[in-house]
Amino acid sequence: MSRRLAGLPVERAFARFGEPALYLPSGGGPGTPVRVLVGSDADEPIAYGQGRPLGRISALRVKAGELTPGRGGVFELFGERYVVAGDPRLADRYRLVWLCKVDVA
C-alpha cells in the first residue's frame, strides 16, 4: 500500500473523530490549531520502585502533516491543558501520525 493510499483512512478518522485543539510549543510562539484523536496508548510498563507494573498512558494523536510536536509542548482542548510528557513518536508504519503521551497541566 502506498503512503498516499494509507493516508486516506487517517484523513477520514481525524475529520470524523478528531477534536479541535490548539498546540503551543514549549519555547513559546504562536499556537497552531489542529485536530487530535484522544485516547490511551497500549498498556506500558511504568517505573515504580523495583517493580514495573502495567498502566494506561493518556495519549493524543496528531497528523504529522499538520504539526511536529515536541516534549513540553501543550495541547489545549476541552478547556484543559495537556503537556507532552515525553518525546512524541511516529505511531504508524507510514509515519503519518504522531503519538504524544500527555499529562494534565
N, C-alpha and C. Protein backbone atom coordinates (compact mmCIF):
# COMPACT_ATOMS: atom_id res chain seq x y z
N MET A 1 0.84 -1.17 0.00
CA MET A 1 0.00 0.00 0.00
C MET A 1 0.89 1.24 0.00
N SER A 2 0.54 2.22 -0.78
CA SER A 2 1.33 3.44 -0.85
C SER A 2 1.01 4.35 0.33
N ARG A 3 1.92 5.25 0.59
CA ARG A 3 1.73 6.22 1.67
C ARG A 3 0.49 7.08 1.40
N ARG A 4 0.30 7.47 0.14
CA ARG A 4 -0.86 8.30 -0.22
C ARG A 4 -2.17 7.55 0.05
N LEU A 5 -2.21 6.30 -0.33
CA LEU A 5 -3.39 5.48 -0.12
C LEU A 5 -3.62 5.24 1.37
N ALA A 6 -2.57 5.02 2.11
CA ALA A 6 -2.68 4.80 3.56
C ALA A 6 -3.18 6.05 4.27
N GLY A 7 -2.92 7.22 3.70
CA GLY A 7 -3.34 8.46 4.32
C GLY A 7 -4.84 8.73 4.26
N LEU A 8 -5.56 8.08 3.35
CA LEU A 8 -6.99 8.31 3.22
C LEU A 8 -7.78 7.95 4.49
N PRO A 9 -7.58 6.76 5.07
CA PRO A 9 -8.31 6.47 6.31
C PRO A 9 -7.87 7.36 7.47
N VAL A 10 -6.62 7.78 7.47
CA VAL A 10 -6.14 8.68 8.51
C VAL A 10 -6.88 10.01 8.42
N GLU A 11 -6.98 10.55 7.21
CA GLU A 11 -7.70 11.81 7.00
C GLU A 11 -9.15 11.68 7.45
N ARG A 12 -9.80 10.59 7.09
CA ARG A 12 -11.20 10.40 7.47
C ARG A 12 -11.38 10.25 8.97
N ALA A 13 -10.47 9.53 9.61
CA ALA A 13 -10.56 9.35 11.06
C ALA A 13 -10.44 10.68 11.78
N PHE A 14 -9.49 11.50 11.37
CA PHE A 14 -9.31 12.80 12.03
C PHE A 14 -10.49 13.73 11.73
N ALA A 15 -11.03 13.67 10.51
CA ALA A 15 -12.18 14.52 10.17
C ALA A 15 -13.42 14.11 10.97
N ARG A 16 -13.61 12.81 11.14
CA ARG A 16 -14.83 12.34 11.81
C ARG A 16 -14.72 12.30 13.32
N PHE A 17 -13.58 11.84 13.85
CA PHE A 17 -13.45 11.63 15.29
C PHE A 17 -12.52 12.63 15.97
N GLY A 18 -11.79 13.42 15.20
CA GLY A 18 -10.84 14.36 15.78
C GLY A 18 -11.52 15.48 16.53
N GLU A 19 -10.85 15.96 17.55
CA GLU A 19 -11.34 17.08 18.35
C GLU A 19 -10.47 18.30 18.05
N PRO A 20 -11.08 19.48 17.97
CA PRO A 20 -10.29 20.68 17.73
C PRO A 20 -9.44 21.01 18.96
N ALA A 21 -8.19 21.37 18.73
CA ALA A 21 -7.27 21.70 19.82
C ALA A 21 -6.34 22.80 19.35
N LEU A 22 -5.63 23.38 20.30
CA LEU A 22 -4.60 24.37 20.00
C LEU A 22 -3.30 23.84 20.56
N TYR A 23 -2.24 23.81 19.74
CA TYR A 23 -0.93 23.35 20.19
C TYR A 23 -0.03 24.55 20.42
N LEU A 24 0.58 24.63 21.60
CA LEU A 24 1.52 25.69 21.95
C LEU A 24 2.89 25.07 22.15
N PRO A 25 3.90 25.46 21.34
CA PRO A 25 5.23 24.87 21.50
C PRO A 25 5.87 25.26 22.83
N SER A 26 6.79 24.43 23.31
CA SER A 26 7.41 24.66 24.62
C SER A 26 8.24 25.92 24.68
N GLY A 27 8.82 26.34 23.58
CA GLY A 27 9.66 27.54 23.57
C GLY A 27 8.90 28.83 23.39
N GLY A 28 7.58 28.74 23.36
CA GLY A 28 6.76 29.92 23.11
C GLY A 28 6.47 30.06 21.63
N GLY A 29 5.77 31.08 21.28
CA GLY A 29 5.41 31.30 19.89
C GLY A 29 3.92 31.14 19.71
N PRO A 30 3.47 31.38 18.49
CA PRO A 30 2.02 31.32 18.25
C PRO A 30 1.49 29.89 18.33
N GLY A 31 0.24 29.77 18.71
CA GLY A 31 -0.40 28.47 18.76
C GLY A 31 -0.80 28.01 17.38
N THR A 32 -0.91 26.70 17.21
CA THR A 32 -1.30 26.11 15.94
C THR A 32 -2.60 25.33 16.16
N PRO A 33 -3.68 25.71 15.46
CA PRO A 33 -4.90 24.92 15.57
C PRO A 33 -4.75 23.57 14.85
N VAL A 34 -5.13 22.50 15.51
CA VAL A 34 -5.03 21.15 14.96
C VAL A 34 -6.26 20.35 15.37
N ARG A 35 -6.40 19.18 14.79
CA ARG A 35 -7.40 18.20 15.25
C ARG A 35 -6.61 17.04 15.84
N VAL A 36 -7.07 16.55 16.98
CA VAL A 36 -6.38 15.45 17.65
C VAL A 36 -7.35 14.32 17.91
N LEU A 37 -6.81 13.11 17.97
CA LEU A 37 -7.56 11.95 18.43
C LEU A 37 -7.17 11.71 19.88
N VAL A 38 -8.15 11.59 20.72
CA VAL A 38 -7.92 11.43 22.15
C VAL A 38 -8.06 9.96 22.50
N GLY A 39 -7.14 9.45 23.31
CA GLY A 39 -7.23 8.06 23.72
C GLY A 39 -6.11 7.69 24.65
N SER A 40 -5.91 6.41 24.75
CA SER A 40 -4.85 5.88 25.59
C SER A 40 -3.93 5.05 24.73
N ASP A 41 -2.67 5.06 25.09
CA ASP A 41 -1.71 4.19 24.44
C ASP A 41 -1.94 2.79 25.00
N ALA A 42 -1.31 1.82 24.44
CA ALA A 42 -1.41 0.45 24.95
C ALA A 42 -0.83 0.37 26.36
N ASP A 43 -1.15 -0.71 27.06
CA ASP A 43 -0.55 -0.90 28.38
C ASP A 43 0.95 -0.83 28.24
N GLU A 44 1.58 -0.20 29.19
CA GLU A 44 3.01 0.03 29.12
C GLU A 44 3.61 -0.06 30.52
N PRO A 45 4.80 -0.60 30.66
CA PRO A 45 5.42 -0.64 31.98
C PRO A 45 5.67 0.77 32.51
N ILE A 46 5.37 0.96 33.79
CA ILE A 46 5.59 2.25 34.44
C ILE A 46 6.64 2.04 35.52
N ALA A 47 7.65 2.88 35.56
CA ALA A 47 8.69 2.76 36.57
C ALA A 47 8.10 3.10 37.94
N TYR A 48 8.23 2.17 38.88
CA TYR A 48 7.72 2.37 40.23
C TYR A 48 8.58 1.54 41.17
N GLY A 49 9.54 2.18 41.79
CA GLY A 49 10.42 1.46 42.69
C GLY A 49 11.15 0.35 41.95
N GLN A 50 11.15 -0.86 42.51
CA GLN A 50 11.82 -2.00 41.90
C GLN A 50 10.91 -2.72 40.90
N GLY A 51 9.60 -2.51 41.01
CA GLY A 51 8.67 -3.21 40.13
C GLY A 51 8.40 -2.44 38.85
N ARG A 52 7.72 -3.08 37.92
CA ARG A 52 7.34 -2.44 36.66
C ARG A 52 5.88 -2.79 36.36
N PRO A 53 4.92 -2.23 37.14
CA PRO A 53 3.52 -2.54 36.86
C PRO A 53 3.08 -1.96 35.52
N LEU A 54 2.02 -2.55 34.97
CA LEU A 54 1.48 -2.03 33.72
C LEU A 54 0.41 -0.98 34.05
N GLY A 55 0.31 0.03 33.21
CA GLY A 55 -0.71 1.06 33.40
C GLY A 55 -1.08 1.68 32.07
N ARG A 56 -2.19 2.39 32.05
CA ARG A 56 -2.63 3.08 30.84
C ARG A 56 -1.99 4.47 30.82
N ILE A 57 -1.54 4.87 29.67
CA ILE A 57 -0.92 6.17 29.48
C ILE A 57 -1.88 7.02 28.64
N SER A 58 -2.18 8.23 29.08
CA SER A 58 -3.01 9.14 28.29
C SER A 58 -2.22 9.59 27.08
N ALA A 59 -2.90 9.63 25.95
CA ALA A 59 -2.20 9.98 24.71
C ALA A 59 -3.10 10.77 23.78
N LEU A 60 -2.47 11.61 22.99
CA LEU A 60 -3.12 12.33 21.92
C LEU A 60 -2.40 11.98 20.63
N ARG A 61 -3.16 11.88 19.56
CA ARG A 61 -2.57 11.63 18.24
C ARG A 61 -2.85 12.83 17.36
N VAL A 62 -1.85 13.23 16.59
CA VAL A 62 -1.97 14.37 15.69
C VAL A 62 -1.32 14.01 14.37
N LYS A 63 -1.89 14.48 13.26
CA LYS A 63 -1.35 14.16 11.95
C LYS A 63 0.02 14.80 11.78
N ALA A 64 0.96 14.03 11.26
CA ALA A 64 2.33 14.51 11.05
C ALA A 64 2.37 15.64 10.03
N GLY A 65 1.45 15.67 9.09
CA GLY A 65 1.43 16.73 8.09
C GLY A 65 1.01 18.08 8.64
N GLU A 66 0.38 18.11 9.81
CA GLU A 66 -0.08 19.35 10.41
C GLU A 66 0.91 19.95 11.39
N LEU A 67 1.71 19.10 12.03
CA LEU A 67 2.47 19.57 13.18
C LEU A 67 3.57 18.58 13.54
N THR A 68 4.66 19.09 14.06
CA THR A 68 5.70 18.25 14.67
C THR A 68 5.77 18.65 16.14
N PRO A 69 5.08 17.91 17.02
CA PRO A 69 5.06 18.27 18.44
C PRO A 69 6.39 17.98 19.10
N GLY A 70 6.61 18.58 20.25
CA GLY A 70 7.84 18.35 20.99
C GLY A 70 7.56 18.19 22.48
N ARG A 71 8.53 17.62 23.18
CA ARG A 71 8.43 17.44 24.63
C ARG A 71 8.21 18.82 25.27
N GLY A 72 7.26 18.89 26.18
CA GLY A 72 6.98 20.14 26.88
C GLY A 72 5.95 21.02 26.17
N GLY A 73 5.60 20.67 24.95
CA GLY A 73 4.55 21.41 24.26
C GLY A 73 3.22 21.19 24.96
N VAL A 74 2.26 22.05 24.69
CA VAL A 74 0.97 21.99 25.38
C VAL A 74 -0.15 21.94 24.34
N PHE A 75 -1.08 21.00 24.55
CA PHE A 75 -2.31 20.96 23.76
C PHE A 75 -3.43 21.50 24.65
N GLU A 76 -4.19 22.43 24.14
CA GLU A 76 -5.37 22.93 24.85
C GLU A 76 -6.61 22.36 24.17
N LEU A 77 -7.40 21.60 24.93
CA LEU A 77 -8.67 21.11 24.43
C LEU A 77 -9.59 20.80 25.59
N PHE A 78 -10.88 20.87 25.36
CA PHE A 78 -11.91 20.65 26.38
C PHE A 78 -11.71 21.57 27.59
N GLY A 79 -11.11 22.74 27.38
CA GLY A 79 -10.89 23.66 28.49
C GLY A 79 -9.75 23.25 29.41
N GLU A 80 -8.98 22.26 29.04
CA GLU A 80 -7.84 21.79 29.84
C GLU A 80 -6.56 21.94 29.05
N ARG A 81 -5.44 21.89 29.76
CA ARG A 81 -4.12 21.94 29.13
C ARG A 81 -3.44 20.60 29.36
N TYR A 82 -2.90 20.02 28.29
CA TYR A 82 -2.21 18.73 28.35
C TYR A 82 -0.78 18.93 27.89
N VAL A 83 0.17 18.61 28.75
CA VAL A 83 1.59 18.78 28.45
C VAL A 83 2.15 17.49 27.87
N VAL A 84 2.90 17.62 26.78
CA VAL A 84 3.54 16.46 26.16
C VAL A 84 4.64 15.99 27.11
N ALA A 85 4.48 14.79 27.65
CA ALA A 85 5.34 14.30 28.73
C ALA A 85 6.65 13.69 28.25
N GLY A 86 6.69 13.15 27.08
CA GLY A 86 7.91 12.52 26.57
C GLY A 86 8.12 12.92 25.14
N ASP A 87 9.07 12.29 24.51
CA ASP A 87 9.31 12.57 23.10
C ASP A 87 8.21 11.91 22.28
N PRO A 88 7.49 12.68 21.47
CA PRO A 88 6.47 12.07 20.60
C PRO A 88 7.14 11.10 19.63
N ARG A 89 6.35 10.11 19.20
CA ARG A 89 6.89 9.17 18.22
C ARG A 89 5.87 8.98 17.11
N LEU A 90 6.39 8.68 15.94
CA LEU A 90 5.51 8.39 14.82
C LEU A 90 4.92 7.01 15.05
N ALA A 91 3.60 6.92 15.13
CA ALA A 91 2.93 5.75 15.66
C ALA A 91 2.47 4.74 14.62
N ASP A 92 2.76 4.97 13.36
CA ASP A 92 2.25 4.04 12.36
C ASP A 92 3.32 3.73 11.32
N ARG A 93 3.06 2.72 10.55
CA ARG A 93 4.01 2.23 9.56
C ARG A 93 4.41 3.28 8.54
N TYR A 94 3.47 4.12 8.15
CA TYR A 94 3.73 5.11 7.10
C TYR A 94 4.13 6.48 7.66
N ARG A 95 4.30 6.57 8.96
CA ARG A 95 4.78 7.78 9.63
C ARG A 95 3.85 8.97 9.35
N LEU A 96 2.55 8.73 9.53
CA LEU A 96 1.54 9.75 9.25
C LEU A 96 0.97 10.38 10.52
N VAL A 97 1.16 9.71 11.67
CA VAL A 97 0.52 10.16 12.90
C VAL A 97 1.54 10.18 14.05
N TRP A 98 1.59 11.32 14.75
CA TRP A 98 2.41 11.43 15.96
C TRP A 98 1.60 10.93 17.15
N LEU A 99 2.22 10.17 18.01
CA LEU A 99 1.63 9.74 19.29
C LEU A 99 2.32 10.54 20.38
N CYS A 100 1.54 11.29 21.13
CA CYS A 100 2.08 12.15 22.20
C CYS A 100 1.51 11.70 23.53
N LYS A 101 2.36 11.21 24.42
CA LYS A 101 1.93 10.89 25.78
C LYS A 101 1.81 12.21 26.53
N VAL A 102 0.71 12.39 27.22
CA VAL A 102 0.43 13.69 27.85
C VAL A 102 0.05 13.54 29.31
N ASP A 103 0.30 14.62 30.06
CA ASP A 103 -0.13 14.76 31.44
C ASP A 103 -1.00 16.01 31.52
N VAL A 104 -2.00 15.99 32.40
CA VAL A 104 -2.82 17.17 32.60
C VAL A 104 -1.98 18.21 33.34
N ALA A 105 -2.01 19.44 32.83
CA ALA A 105 -1.21 20.51 33.45
C ALA A 105 -1.92 21.08 34.65
